Amino acid sequence: MKHALLALAISAIIPTISKACDTALILTIDVSNSVDTAEYRLQTDGLVDALRNQAIVDAMVRQEAAITVVQWSGASRQEVSIPWTRIRTSLDAARLAAAAELMPRAFVLSDTAPAEAIRFSLPLFSQVTDCKHKVIDISGDGTPNSGSETRDARNAAERAGVTINAVAIESMGLAITNFYKSAVITRNGFVITARTHREYPDAIRRKILRELSQVVG
């Protein structure tokens, strides 16, 4: 009888025990006019490969990370393409990668407004208030040609305790990298440079792994 009561007590307690979410990560993808169809596929395939990388899967599960994917382009064009997903098991990670693989492009023929991507993303963290660290990834291949002042959006993120990191996709030189360093990332953030979209898969994998390993740059 005592053993039966003990078993019942344990079974009542176990469902309430859950690891705390360490990191909430918003992965944003630039789908503005400068990104053609092949480049969009390089970005999404790179994201899928990263989400299937065993080291990243292990880190997401260990932290019980929350992940969402946002596509962005012009001032009024942002979309949650994959809603918040809690990664408690490797199966959760596999489902997230599968959703990313099937994700259709949200916008075409649109401007580039990274400030609005940040401003759109910030309220999403209200859905994952239990996560200790909150991070926005900005991936893009251009400087703004529409929208509000990017530094103001970056400063709003800092005041909210949100880290912004970036992948700068270059075609020549370091113009995008330098812009992201000066106007987009937060003081505790970092930029990884991908020289052309073909380097993006490796860059996004390294960035996500660094974020989940160190949380901040």
N, C-alpha and C. Protein backbone atom coordinates (compact mmCIF):
# COMPACT_ATOMS: atom_id res chain seq x y z
N MET A 1 0.83 -1.21 0.00
CA MET A 1 0.00 0.00 0.00
C MET A 1 0.86 1.25 0.00
N LYS A 2 1.90 1.23 0.86
CA LYS A 2 2.79 2.39 0.94
C LYS A 2 3.47 2.62 -0.40
N HIS A 3 3.91 1.51 -1.04
CA HIS A 3 4.58 1.64 -2.33
C HIS A 3 3.63 2.21 -3.39
N ALA A 4 2.38 1.79 -3.33
CA ALA A 4 1.40 2.29 -4.29
C ALA A 4 1.15 3.78 -4.10
N LEU A 5 1.07 4.21 -2.83
CA LEU A 5 0.88 5.63 -2.56
C LEU A 5 2.09 6.45 -3.00
N LEU A 6 3.29 5.90 -2.79
CA LEU A 6 4.50 6.59 -3.21
C LEU A 6 4.53 6.74 -4.73
N ALA A 7 4.15 5.68 -5.42
CA ALA A 7 4.12 5.74 -6.88
C ALA A 7 3.14 6.79 -7.38
N LEU A 8 1.98 6.86 -6.72
CA LEU A 8 1.01 7.86 -7.11
C LEU A 8 1.52 9.27 -6.87
N ALA A 9 2.22 9.45 -5.75
CA ALA A 9 2.78 10.76 -5.42
C ALA A 9 3.81 11.19 -6.45
N ILE A 10 4.68 10.27 -6.83
CA ILE A 10 5.72 10.58 -7.82
C ILE A 10 5.09 10.90 -9.16
N SER A 11 4.08 10.11 -9.56
CA SER A 11 3.44 10.35 -10.86
C SER A 11 2.74 11.70 -10.89
N ALA A 12 2.28 12.17 -9.73
CA ALA A 12 1.63 13.47 -9.68
C ALA A 12 2.64 14.60 -9.79
N ILE A 13 3.87 14.35 -9.30
CA ILE A 13 4.90 15.39 -9.31
C ILE A 13 5.59 15.48 -10.66
N ILE A 14 5.87 14.35 -11.28
CA ILE A 14 6.69 14.33 -12.50
C ILE A 14 6.16 15.23 -13.61
N PRO A 15 4.86 15.26 -13.92
CA PRO A 15 4.40 16.12 -15.02
C PRO A 15 4.67 17.60 -14.80
N THR A 16 4.84 18.03 -13.53
CA THR A 16 5.07 19.44 -13.27
C THR A 16 6.53 19.81 -13.38
N ILE A 17 7.42 18.80 -13.47
CA ILE A 17 8.85 19.07 -13.53
C ILE A 17 9.25 19.27 -14.99
N SER A 18 9.84 20.41 -15.30
CA SER A 18 10.29 20.69 -16.66
C SER A 18 11.50 21.59 -16.59
N LYS A 19 12.45 21.34 -17.47
CA LYS A 19 13.61 22.21 -17.53
C LYS A 19 13.16 23.61 -17.93
N ALA A 20 13.85 24.60 -17.38
CA ALA A 20 13.56 25.97 -17.78
C ALA A 20 14.09 26.20 -19.19
N CYS A 21 13.39 27.01 -19.94
CA CYS A 21 13.86 27.40 -21.27
C CYS A 21 15.01 28.38 -21.11
N ASP A 22 16.15 28.04 -21.67
CA ASP A 22 17.31 28.93 -21.56
C ASP A 22 17.28 30.02 -22.63
N THR A 23 17.00 29.63 -23.89
CA THR A 23 17.11 30.58 -25.00
C THR A 23 15.87 30.57 -25.88
N ALA A 24 15.34 31.76 -26.13
CA ALA A 24 14.30 31.96 -27.14
C ALA A 24 14.97 32.63 -28.33
N LEU A 25 14.90 32.01 -29.50
CA LEU A 25 15.65 32.46 -30.66
C LEU A 25 14.71 32.71 -31.83
N ILE A 26 14.71 33.96 -32.33
CA ILE A 26 13.94 34.31 -33.52
C ILE A 26 14.90 34.33 -34.71
N LEU A 27 14.68 33.43 -35.64
CA LEU A 27 15.50 33.36 -36.85
C LEU A 27 14.80 34.14 -37.95
N THR A 28 15.38 35.27 -38.38
CA THR A 28 14.74 36.08 -39.41
C THR A 28 15.49 35.94 -40.73
N ILE A 29 14.74 35.85 -41.81
CA ILE A 29 15.30 35.63 -43.15
C ILE A 29 14.90 36.78 -44.06
N ASP A 30 15.88 37.39 -44.71
CA ASP A 30 15.65 38.46 -45.67
C ASP A 30 15.12 37.87 -46.98
N VAL A 31 13.93 38.28 -47.38
CA VAL A 31 13.38 37.84 -48.66
C VAL A 31 13.04 39.06 -49.52
N SER A 32 13.85 40.09 -49.42
CA SER A 32 13.63 41.31 -50.20
C SER A 32 13.98 41.08 -51.66
N ASN A 33 13.83 42.14 -52.45
CA ASN A 33 13.97 42.04 -53.89
C ASN A 33 15.36 41.59 -54.34
N SER A 34 16.37 41.84 -53.51
CA SER A 34 17.75 41.47 -53.88
C SER A 34 18.00 39.97 -53.78
N VAL A 35 17.07 39.23 -53.19
CA VAL A 35 17.22 37.79 -53.01
C VAL A 35 16.41 37.07 -54.09
N ASP A 36 17.11 36.42 -55.03
CA ASP A 36 16.39 35.72 -56.09
C ASP A 36 15.96 34.33 -55.61
N THR A 37 15.30 33.59 -56.47
CA THR A 37 14.74 32.30 -56.08
C THR A 37 15.81 31.32 -55.62
N ALA A 38 16.92 31.27 -56.36
CA ALA A 38 18.01 30.35 -55.99
C ALA A 38 18.62 30.73 -54.65
N GLU A 39 18.76 32.04 -54.42
CA GLU A 39 19.35 32.51 -53.16
C GLU A 39 18.41 32.24 -51.98
N TYR A 40 17.11 32.35 -52.23
CA TYR A 40 16.15 32.01 -51.18
C TYR A 40 16.29 30.54 -50.79
N ARG A 41 16.44 29.68 -51.79
CA ARG A 41 16.58 28.25 -51.50
C ARG A 41 17.88 27.97 -50.75
N LEU A 42 18.95 28.69 -51.09
CA LEU A 42 20.21 28.52 -50.36
C LEU A 42 20.02 28.89 -48.90
N GLN A 43 19.25 29.95 -48.64
CA GLN A 43 19.01 30.36 -47.26
C GLN A 43 18.18 29.32 -46.51
N THR A 44 17.08 28.90 -47.11
CA THR A 44 16.21 27.96 -46.40
C THR A 44 16.88 26.59 -46.25
N ASP A 45 17.57 26.13 -47.30
CA ASP A 45 18.28 24.85 -47.19
C ASP A 45 19.38 24.93 -46.14
N GLY A 46 20.04 26.09 -46.07
CA GLY A 46 21.07 26.26 -45.04
C GLY A 46 20.48 26.23 -43.64
N LEU A 47 19.30 26.85 -43.48
CA LEU A 47 18.63 26.82 -42.18
C LEU A 47 18.22 25.40 -41.81
N VAL A 48 17.69 24.67 -42.78
CA VAL A 48 17.28 23.28 -42.52
C VAL A 48 18.49 22.43 -42.11
N ASP A 49 19.59 22.57 -42.84
CA ASP A 49 20.79 21.81 -42.51
C ASP A 49 21.28 22.14 -41.09
N ALA A 50 21.21 23.42 -40.74
CA ALA A 50 21.64 23.83 -39.40
C ALA A 50 20.75 23.21 -38.33
N LEU A 51 19.45 23.20 -38.56
CA LEU A 51 18.51 22.65 -37.57
C LEU A 51 18.60 21.14 -37.45
N ARG A 52 19.25 20.49 -38.45
CA ARG A 52 19.46 19.05 -38.38
C ARG A 52 20.87 18.69 -37.92
N ASN A 53 21.71 19.70 -37.75
CA ASN A 53 23.07 19.45 -37.28
C ASN A 53 23.01 18.87 -35.86
N GLN A 54 23.70 17.76 -35.62
CA GLN A 54 23.55 17.06 -34.35
C GLN A 54 23.98 17.91 -33.17
N ALA A 55 25.05 18.69 -33.33
CA ALA A 55 25.50 19.54 -32.22
C ALA A 55 24.45 20.59 -31.88
N ILE A 56 23.80 21.14 -32.91
CA ILE A 56 22.75 22.13 -32.67
C ILE A 56 21.52 21.48 -32.07
N VAL A 57 21.15 20.31 -32.57
CA VAL A 57 20.00 19.58 -31.99
C VAL A 57 20.25 19.31 -30.51
N ASP A 58 21.44 18.83 -30.18
CA ASP A 58 21.75 18.53 -28.78
C ASP A 58 21.67 19.79 -27.92
N ALA A 59 22.17 20.90 -28.45
CA ALA A 59 22.14 22.16 -27.68
C ALA A 59 20.71 22.65 -27.49
N MET A 60 19.89 22.55 -28.54
CA MET A 60 18.49 22.99 -28.42
C MET A 60 17.75 22.16 -27.38
N VAL A 61 17.95 20.85 -27.41
CA VAL A 61 17.27 19.98 -26.45
C VAL A 61 17.76 20.24 -25.04
N ARG A 62 19.07 20.38 -24.89
CA ARG A 62 19.65 20.61 -23.57
C ARG A 62 19.09 21.89 -22.94
N GLN A 63 18.89 22.92 -23.76
CA GLN A 63 18.40 24.20 -23.25
C GLN A 63 16.87 24.30 -23.29
N GLU A 64 16.23 23.28 -23.85
CA GLU A 64 14.78 23.36 -24.11
C GLU A 64 14.47 24.69 -24.81
N ALA A 65 15.22 24.95 -25.88
CA ALA A 65 15.12 26.22 -26.59
C ALA A 65 13.75 26.39 -27.24
N ALA A 66 13.37 27.65 -27.41
CA ALA A 66 12.17 28.00 -28.15
C ALA A 66 12.62 28.70 -29.43
N ILE A 67 12.13 28.23 -30.58
CA ILE A 67 12.57 28.73 -31.88
C ILE A 67 11.36 29.17 -32.70
N THR A 68 11.48 30.31 -33.37
CA THR A 68 10.48 30.73 -34.34
C THR A 68 11.20 31.31 -35.55
N VAL A 69 10.54 31.28 -36.72
CA VAL A 69 11.15 31.77 -37.95
C VAL A 69 10.28 32.90 -38.52
N VAL A 70 10.93 34.02 -38.86
CA VAL A 70 10.26 35.18 -39.42
C VAL A 70 10.89 35.50 -40.78
N GLN A 71 10.05 35.74 -41.79
CA GLN A 71 10.53 36.27 -43.06
C GLN A 71 10.22 37.76 -43.12
N TRP A 72 11.14 38.53 -43.69
CA TRP A 72 10.95 39.98 -43.72
C TRP A 72 11.51 40.57 -45.01
N SER A 73 10.96 41.74 -45.36
CA SER A 73 11.49 42.48 -46.50
C SER A 73 11.19 43.96 -46.29
N GLY A 74 10.14 44.51 -46.94
CA GLY A 74 9.85 45.92 -46.84
C GLY A 74 9.21 46.35 -45.53
N ALA A 75 8.89 47.65 -45.46
CA ALA A 75 8.43 48.25 -44.20
C ALA A 75 7.19 47.58 -43.62
N SER A 76 6.29 47.13 -44.47
CA SER A 76 5.05 46.51 -43.97
C SER A 76 4.99 45.02 -44.27
N ARG A 77 6.15 44.42 -44.51
CA ARG A 77 6.16 43.02 -44.92
C ARG A 77 7.05 42.18 -43.99
N GLN A 78 6.39 41.64 -42.98
CA GLN A 78 7.02 40.69 -42.06
C GLN A 78 5.99 39.61 -41.77
N GLU A 79 6.48 38.39 -41.59
CA GLU A 79 5.56 37.27 -41.37
C GLU A 79 6.20 36.24 -40.45
N VAL A 80 5.42 35.74 -39.49
CA VAL A 80 5.85 34.57 -38.72
C VAL A 80 5.57 33.36 -39.59
N SER A 81 6.63 32.76 -40.12
CA SER A 81 6.47 31.62 -41.02
C SER A 81 6.41 30.30 -40.27
N ILE A 82 7.09 30.22 -39.13
CA ILE A 82 7.01 29.05 -38.26
C ILE A 82 6.82 29.57 -36.84
N PRO A 83 5.70 29.26 -36.19
CA PRO A 83 5.46 29.78 -34.84
C PRO A 83 6.42 29.17 -33.82
N TRP A 84 6.40 29.73 -32.62
CA TRP A 84 7.29 29.25 -31.56
C TRP A 84 7.19 27.73 -31.39
N THR A 85 8.32 27.09 -31.40
CA THR A 85 8.41 25.64 -31.22
C THR A 85 9.37 25.35 -30.07
N ARG A 86 8.91 24.62 -29.08
CA ARG A 86 9.76 24.22 -27.96
C ARG A 86 10.52 22.95 -28.33
N ILE A 87 11.82 22.97 -28.19
CA ILE A 87 12.65 21.82 -28.55
C ILE A 87 13.01 21.06 -27.28
N ARG A 88 12.15 20.12 -26.92
CA ARG A 88 12.38 19.29 -25.73
C ARG A 88 13.01 17.95 -26.08
N THR A 89 12.84 17.53 -27.33
CA THR A 89 13.37 16.23 -27.77
C THR A 89 13.94 16.38 -29.18
N SER A 90 14.68 15.38 -29.61
CA SER A 90 15.21 15.40 -30.98
C SER A 90 14.07 15.34 -32.00
N LEU A 91 12.94 14.74 -31.63
CA LEU A 91 11.78 14.71 -32.52
C LEU A 91 11.23 16.11 -32.75
N ASP A 92 11.22 16.93 -31.71
CA ASP A 92 10.79 18.32 -31.87
C ASP A 92 11.71 19.05 -32.85
N ALA A 93 13.01 18.80 -32.75
CA ALA A 93 13.97 19.43 -33.66
C ALA A 93 13.73 18.96 -35.09
N ALA A 94 13.45 17.67 -35.26
CA ALA A 94 13.19 17.13 -36.60
C ALA A 94 11.94 17.75 -37.21
N ARG A 95 10.91 17.94 -36.40
CA ARG A 95 9.68 18.56 -36.90
C ARG A 95 9.91 20.01 -37.30
N LEU A 96 10.73 20.72 -36.53
CA LEU A 96 11.05 22.11 -36.86
C LEU A 96 11.80 22.18 -38.19
N ALA A 97 12.78 21.31 -38.37
CA ALA A 97 13.55 21.29 -39.62
C ALA A 97 12.64 20.96 -40.81
N ALA A 98 11.72 20.03 -40.61
CA ALA A 98 10.80 19.64 -41.69
C ALA A 98 9.89 20.82 -42.06
N ALA A 99 9.45 21.58 -41.05
CA ALA A 99 8.61 22.75 -41.34
C ALA A 99 9.41 23.80 -42.11
N ALA A 100 10.67 23.98 -41.75
CA ALA A 100 11.51 24.95 -42.45
C ALA A 100 11.75 24.52 -43.90
N GLU A 101 11.87 23.22 -44.11
CA GLU A 101 12.12 22.70 -45.46
C GLU A 101 10.94 22.96 -46.39
N LEU A 102 9.73 22.97 -45.85
CA LEU A 102 8.52 23.16 -46.65
C LEU A 102 8.04 24.61 -46.67
N MET A 103 8.77 25.50 -46.02
CA MET A 103 8.34 26.89 -45.84
C MET A 103 8.32 27.65 -47.18
N PRO A 104 7.16 28.15 -47.62
CA PRO A 104 7.13 28.93 -48.86
C PRO A 104 7.66 30.33 -48.63
N ARG A 105 8.12 30.93 -49.70
CA ARG A 105 8.60 32.31 -49.61
C ARG A 105 7.42 33.23 -49.33
N ALA A 106 7.60 34.16 -48.39
CA ALA A 106 6.48 35.00 -47.97
C ALA A 106 6.26 36.20 -48.88
N PHE A 107 7.35 36.81 -49.38
CA PHE A 107 7.23 38.05 -50.15
C PHE A 107 8.17 38.04 -51.35
N VAL A 108 7.79 38.75 -52.39
CA VAL A 108 8.66 38.97 -53.55
C VAL A 108 8.54 40.43 -53.96
N LEU A 109 9.55 40.91 -54.67
CA LEU A 109 9.54 42.28 -55.21
C LEU A 109 9.25 43.30 -54.12
N SER A 110 10.06 43.28 -53.07
CA SER A 110 9.84 44.19 -51.95
C SER A 110 11.16 44.81 -51.50
N ASP A 111 11.05 45.91 -50.75
CA ASP A 111 12.22 46.64 -50.29
C ASP A 111 12.91 45.94 -49.12
N THR A 112 13.90 46.64 -48.56
CA THR A 112 14.68 46.09 -47.44
C THR A 112 14.53 47.01 -46.24
N ALA A 113 13.93 46.50 -45.16
CA ALA A 113 13.65 47.31 -43.96
C ALA A 113 14.00 46.52 -42.70
N PRO A 114 15.30 46.42 -42.37
CA PRO A 114 15.68 45.63 -41.19
C PRO A 114 15.15 46.19 -39.88
N ALA A 115 14.94 47.51 -39.80
CA ALA A 115 14.39 48.08 -38.57
C ALA A 115 13.02 47.50 -38.27
N GLU A 116 12.21 47.36 -39.31
CA GLU A 116 10.87 46.81 -39.11
C GLU A 116 10.91 45.32 -38.80
N ALA A 117 11.92 44.62 -39.29
CA ALA A 117 12.09 43.21 -38.91
C ALA A 117 12.34 43.10 -37.41
N ILE A 118 13.15 44.00 -36.88
CA ILE A 118 13.43 44.01 -35.44
C ILE A 118 12.18 44.39 -34.66
N ARG A 119 11.52 45.45 -35.07
CA ARG A 119 10.33 45.92 -34.34
C ARG A 119 9.21 44.89 -34.38
N PHE A 120 9.08 44.18 -35.49
CA PHE A 120 8.07 43.12 -35.59
C PHE A 120 8.41 41.96 -34.66
N SER A 121 9.70 41.67 -34.53
CA SER A 121 10.13 40.50 -33.76
C SER A 121 10.03 40.72 -32.25
N LEU A 122 10.29 41.92 -31.78
CA LEU A 122 10.37 42.15 -30.33
C LEU A 122 9.11 41.72 -29.57
N PRO A 123 7.90 42.05 -30.02
CA PRO A 123 6.71 41.63 -29.27
C PRO A 123 6.50 40.12 -29.23
N LEU A 124 7.13 39.39 -30.13
CA LEU A 124 6.96 37.93 -30.14
C LEU A 124 7.48 37.29 -28.86
N PHE A 125 8.43 37.94 -28.20
CA PHE A 125 8.98 37.37 -26.98
C PHE A 125 7.97 37.34 -25.83
N SER A 126 6.87 38.07 -25.97
CA SER A 126 5.84 38.04 -24.92
C SER A 126 5.19 36.66 -24.83
N GLN A 127 5.39 35.82 -25.87
CA GLN A 127 4.83 34.47 -25.86
C GLN A 127 5.76 33.45 -25.21
N VAL A 128 6.99 33.86 -24.88
CA VAL A 128 7.97 32.94 -24.30
C VAL A 128 8.67 33.61 -23.11
N THR A 129 7.86 34.14 -22.21
CA THR A 129 8.41 34.93 -21.10
C THR A 129 9.25 34.10 -20.13
N ASP A 130 9.09 32.78 -20.16
CA ASP A 130 9.86 31.94 -19.24
C ASP A 130 11.28 31.70 -19.72
N CYS A 131 11.61 32.07 -20.96
CA CYS A 131 12.96 31.85 -21.47
C CYS A 131 13.92 32.90 -20.93
N LYS A 132 15.06 32.44 -20.49
CA LYS A 132 16.01 33.32 -19.81
C LYS A 132 16.67 34.31 -20.75
N HIS A 133 17.14 33.84 -21.90
CA HIS A 133 17.82 34.69 -22.87
C HIS A 133 16.97 34.82 -24.13
N LYS A 134 16.92 36.02 -24.67
CA LYS A 134 16.11 36.30 -25.85
C LYS A 134 17.01 36.86 -26.95
N VAL A 135 16.97 36.21 -28.12
CA VAL A 135 17.91 36.54 -29.19
C VAL A 135 17.15 36.66 -30.52
N ILE A 136 17.50 37.71 -31.28
CA ILE A 136 17.01 37.87 -32.65
C ILE A 136 18.19 37.67 -33.60
N ASP A 137 18.02 36.80 -34.59
CA ASP A 137 18.97 36.65 -35.68
C ASP A 137 18.48 37.48 -36.86
N ILE A 138 19.33 38.33 -37.39
CA ILE A 138 19.02 39.04 -38.63
C ILE A 138 19.95 38.51 -39.71
N SER A 139 19.40 37.95 -40.77
CA SER A 139 20.20 37.52 -41.92
C SER A 139 19.76 38.34 -43.12
N GLY A 140 20.73 38.95 -43.82
CA GLY A 140 20.37 39.76 -44.97
C GLY A 140 21.54 40.08 -45.86
N ASP A 141 21.20 40.58 -47.06
CA ASP A 141 22.25 40.86 -48.05
C ASP A 141 22.22 42.31 -48.53
N GLY A 142 21.54 43.19 -47.77
CA GLY A 142 21.48 44.58 -48.22
C GLY A 142 21.30 45.56 -47.07
N THR A 143 21.59 46.82 -47.36
CA THR A 143 21.33 47.90 -46.41
C THR A 143 19.93 48.43 -46.64
N PRO A 144 19.37 49.20 -45.70
CA PRO A 144 17.96 49.62 -45.82
C PRO A 144 17.71 50.54 -47.01
N ASN A 145 16.57 50.35 -47.64
CA ASN A 145 16.08 51.33 -48.61
C ASN A 145 14.63 51.70 -48.32
N SER A 146 14.13 51.28 -47.13
CA SER A 146 12.81 51.69 -46.67
C SER A 146 12.74 51.46 -45.17
N GLY A 147 11.68 51.96 -44.58
CA GLY A 147 11.49 51.73 -43.15
C GLY A 147 12.13 52.79 -42.28
N SER A 148 12.09 52.56 -40.98
CA SER A 148 12.56 53.54 -40.00
C SER A 148 14.05 53.35 -39.72
N GLU A 149 14.57 54.15 -38.79
CA GLU A 149 15.98 54.14 -38.45
C GLU A 149 16.35 52.83 -37.73
N THR A 150 17.31 52.12 -38.29
CA THR A 150 17.68 50.80 -37.76
C THR A 150 18.29 50.92 -36.37
N ARG A 151 19.08 51.94 -36.14
CA ARG A 151 19.71 52.09 -34.81
C ARG A 151 18.67 52.27 -33.72
N ASP A 152 17.59 52.97 -34.02
CA ASP A 152 16.53 53.15 -33.02
C ASP A 152 15.90 51.81 -32.67
N ALA A 153 15.68 50.96 -33.67
CA ALA A 153 15.12 49.63 -33.41
C ALA A 153 16.10 48.79 -32.61
N ARG A 154 17.37 48.87 -32.97
CA ARG A 154 18.41 48.14 -32.21
C ARG A 154 18.45 48.60 -30.76
N ASN A 155 18.35 49.91 -30.53
CA ASN A 155 18.37 50.43 -29.17
C ASN A 155 17.16 49.98 -28.37
N ALA A 156 16.01 49.87 -29.04
CA ALA A 156 14.81 49.36 -28.37
C ALA A 156 15.02 47.92 -27.93
N ALA A 157 15.69 47.13 -28.75
CA ALA A 157 15.98 45.75 -28.38
C ALA A 157 16.90 45.70 -27.16
N GLU A 158 17.90 46.55 -27.14
CA GLU A 158 18.81 46.58 -25.99
C GLU A 158 18.07 46.93 -24.71
N ARG A 159 17.17 47.92 -24.79
CA ARG A 159 16.42 48.31 -23.60
C ARG A 159 15.53 47.17 -23.11
N ALA A 160 15.10 46.32 -24.02
CA ALA A 160 14.24 45.18 -23.67
C ALA A 160 15.04 43.96 -23.22
N GLY A 161 16.37 44.07 -23.22
CA GLY A 161 17.21 42.95 -22.81
C GLY A 161 17.33 41.87 -23.86
N VAL A 162 17.14 42.24 -25.13
CA VAL A 162 17.21 41.30 -26.25
C VAL A 162 18.55 41.45 -26.96
N THR A 163 19.19 40.34 -27.28
CA THR A 163 20.42 40.33 -28.07
C THR A 163 20.08 40.22 -29.55
N ILE A 164 20.77 40.98 -30.39
CA ILE A 164 20.65 40.84 -31.84
C ILE A 164 21.99 40.43 -32.41
N ASN A 165 22.00 39.31 -33.14
CA ASN A 165 23.17 38.85 -33.89
C ASN A 165 22.81 38.86 -35.38
N ALA A 166 23.82 38.67 -36.25
CA ALA A 166 23.54 38.78 -37.67
C ALA A 166 24.44 37.91 -38.52
N VAL A 167 23.89 37.51 -39.67
CA VAL A 167 24.70 37.00 -40.77
C VAL A 167 24.60 38.02 -41.89
N ALA A 168 25.74 38.57 -42.28
CA ALA A 168 25.80 39.53 -43.38
C ALA A 168 26.22 38.79 -44.65
N ILE A 169 25.35 38.80 -45.64
CA ILE A 169 25.62 38.11 -46.90
C ILE A 169 26.18 39.14 -47.89
N GLU A 170 27.45 39.00 -48.23
CA GLU A 170 28.14 39.98 -49.06
C GLU A 170 28.21 39.52 -50.52
N SER A 171 28.24 40.49 -51.41
CA SER A 171 28.53 40.20 -52.82
C SER A 171 29.93 40.68 -53.17
N MET A 172 30.37 41.73 -52.51
CA MET A 172 31.74 42.21 -52.65
C MET A 172 32.03 43.13 -51.45
N GLY A 173 33.27 43.12 -50.99
CA GLY A 173 33.63 43.96 -49.86
C GLY A 173 32.97 43.56 -48.56
N LEU A 174 32.84 44.54 -47.66
CA LEU A 174 32.26 44.29 -46.34
C LEU A 174 31.21 45.34 -45.98
N ALA A 175 30.53 45.88 -46.97
CA ALA A 175 29.57 46.95 -46.71
C ALA A 175 28.44 46.50 -45.80
N ILE A 176 27.89 45.31 -46.04
CA ILE A 176 26.77 44.81 -45.23
C ILE A 176 27.27 44.47 -43.82
N THR A 177 28.43 43.83 -43.74
CA THR A 177 29.01 43.49 -42.44
C THR A 177 29.21 44.74 -41.60
N ASN A 178 29.78 45.78 -42.18
CA ASN A 178 30.04 47.01 -41.42
C ASN A 178 28.75 47.69 -41.00
N PHE A 179 27.74 47.67 -41.88
CA PHE A 179 26.45 48.24 -41.51
C PHE A 179 25.83 47.48 -40.34
N TYR A 180 25.86 46.15 -40.41
CA TYR A 180 25.29 45.35 -39.33
C TYR A 180 26.03 45.59 -38.01
N LYS A 181 27.35 45.73 -38.08
CA LYS A 181 28.12 45.99 -36.87
C LYS A 181 27.77 47.33 -36.25
N SER A 182 27.56 48.33 -37.07
CA SER A 182 27.36 49.68 -36.56
C SER A 182 25.91 50.00 -36.22
N ALA A 183 24.96 49.34 -36.90
CA ALA A 183 23.57 49.77 -36.77
C ALA A 183 22.57 48.69 -36.38
N VAL A 184 22.96 47.42 -36.47
CA VAL A 184 21.97 46.35 -36.27
C VAL A 184 22.21 45.55 -34.99
N ILE A 185 23.39 45.02 -34.80
CA ILE A 185 23.62 44.14 -33.64
C ILE A 185 23.69 44.95 -32.36
N THR A 186 23.32 44.32 -31.27
CA THR A 186 23.43 44.94 -29.95
C THR A 186 24.88 44.86 -29.46
N ARG A 187 25.15 45.55 -28.37
CA ARG A 187 26.53 45.59 -27.86
C ARG A 187 27.04 44.21 -27.46
N ASN A 188 26.15 43.30 -27.11
CA ASN A 188 26.57 41.94 -26.76
C ASN A 188 26.37 40.97 -27.91
N GLY A 189 26.12 41.51 -29.11
CA GLY A 189 25.89 40.67 -30.28
C GLY A 189 27.13 40.52 -31.14
N PHE A 190 26.98 39.77 -32.24
CA PHE A 190 28.10 39.54 -33.15
C PHE A 190 27.58 39.39 -34.57
N VAL A 191 28.49 39.57 -35.54
CA VAL A 191 28.17 39.39 -36.96
C VAL A 191 29.07 38.29 -37.53
N ILE A 192 28.49 37.41 -38.30
CA ILE A 192 29.26 36.45 -39.10
C ILE A 192 29.05 36.80 -40.57
N THR A 193 30.14 36.88 -41.32
CA THR A 193 30.07 37.25 -42.73
C THR A 193 30.03 36.02 -43.62
N ALA A 194 29.07 36.01 -44.54
CA ALA A 194 29.01 34.98 -45.59
C ALA A 194 29.33 35.67 -46.91
N ARG A 195 30.39 35.28 -47.54
CA ARG A 195 30.75 35.89 -48.82
C ARG A 195 29.98 35.16 -49.92
N THR A 196 28.87 35.75 -50.32
CA THR A 196 27.85 35.22 -51.24
C THR A 196 26.90 34.29 -50.49
N HIS A 197 25.76 34.06 -51.10
CA HIS A 197 24.73 33.20 -50.50
C HIS A 197 25.21 31.75 -50.38
N ARG A 198 26.16 31.35 -51.18
CA ARG A 198 26.63 29.96 -51.11
C ARG A 198 27.34 29.67 -49.80
N GLU A 199 27.86 30.69 -49.14
CA GLU A 199 28.50 30.50 -47.84
C GLU A 199 27.50 30.61 -46.69
N TYR A 200 26.26 30.97 -47.00
CA TYR A 200 25.26 31.17 -45.96
C TYR A 200 25.02 29.91 -45.12
N PRO A 201 24.88 28.72 -45.71
CA PRO A 201 24.61 27.54 -44.87
C PRO A 201 25.65 27.33 -43.77
N ASP A 202 26.91 27.48 -44.10
CA ASP A 202 27.95 27.32 -43.09
C ASP A 202 27.88 28.44 -42.06
N ALA A 203 27.59 29.67 -42.52
CA ALA A 203 27.53 30.81 -41.61
C ALA A 203 26.38 30.68 -40.62
N ILE A 204 25.20 30.27 -41.09
CA ILE A 204 24.06 30.16 -40.17
C ILE A 204 24.27 29.01 -39.19
N ARG A 205 24.90 27.94 -39.64
CA ARG A 205 25.18 26.84 -38.73
C ARG A 205 26.12 27.30 -37.61
N ARG A 206 27.20 28.00 -37.99
CA ARG A 206 28.15 28.48 -36.99
C ARG A 206 27.52 29.49 -36.05
N LYS A 207 26.62 30.34 -36.59
CA LYS A 207 26.00 31.36 -35.75
C LYS A 207 25.06 30.73 -34.72
N ILE A 208 24.19 29.83 -35.17
CA ILE A 208 23.25 29.22 -34.23
C ILE A 208 23.99 28.42 -33.17
N LEU A 209 25.01 27.68 -33.57
CA LEU A 209 25.77 26.90 -32.59
C LEU A 209 26.44 27.81 -31.58
N ARG A 210 26.97 28.93 -32.04
CA ARG A 210 27.59 29.87 -31.11
C ARG A 210 26.56 30.47 -30.15
N GLU A 211 25.39 30.79 -30.67
CA GLU A 211 24.34 31.36 -29.83
C GLU A 211 23.89 30.38 -28.76
N LEU A 212 23.72 29.13 -29.14
CA LEU A 212 23.23 28.15 -28.18
C LEU A 212 24.33 27.70 -27.22
N SER A 213 25.59 27.85 -27.63
CA SER A 213 26.70 27.45 -26.76
C SER A 213 27.05 28.56 -25.77
N GLN A 214 26.98 29.81 -26.24
CA GLN A 214 27.44 30.93 -25.42
C GLN A 214 26.32 31.87 -25.05
N VAL A 215 25.17 31.75 -25.71
CA VAL A 215 23.99 32.59 -25.52
C VAL A 215 24.21 34.00 -26.07
N VAL A 216 25.29 34.65 -25.65
CA VAL A 216 25.57 35.99 -26.19
C VAL A 216 26.96 35.97 -26.79
N GLY A 217 27.20 36.90 -27.71
CA GLY A 217 28.49 36.94 -28.37
C GLY A 217 29.52 37.68 -27.58
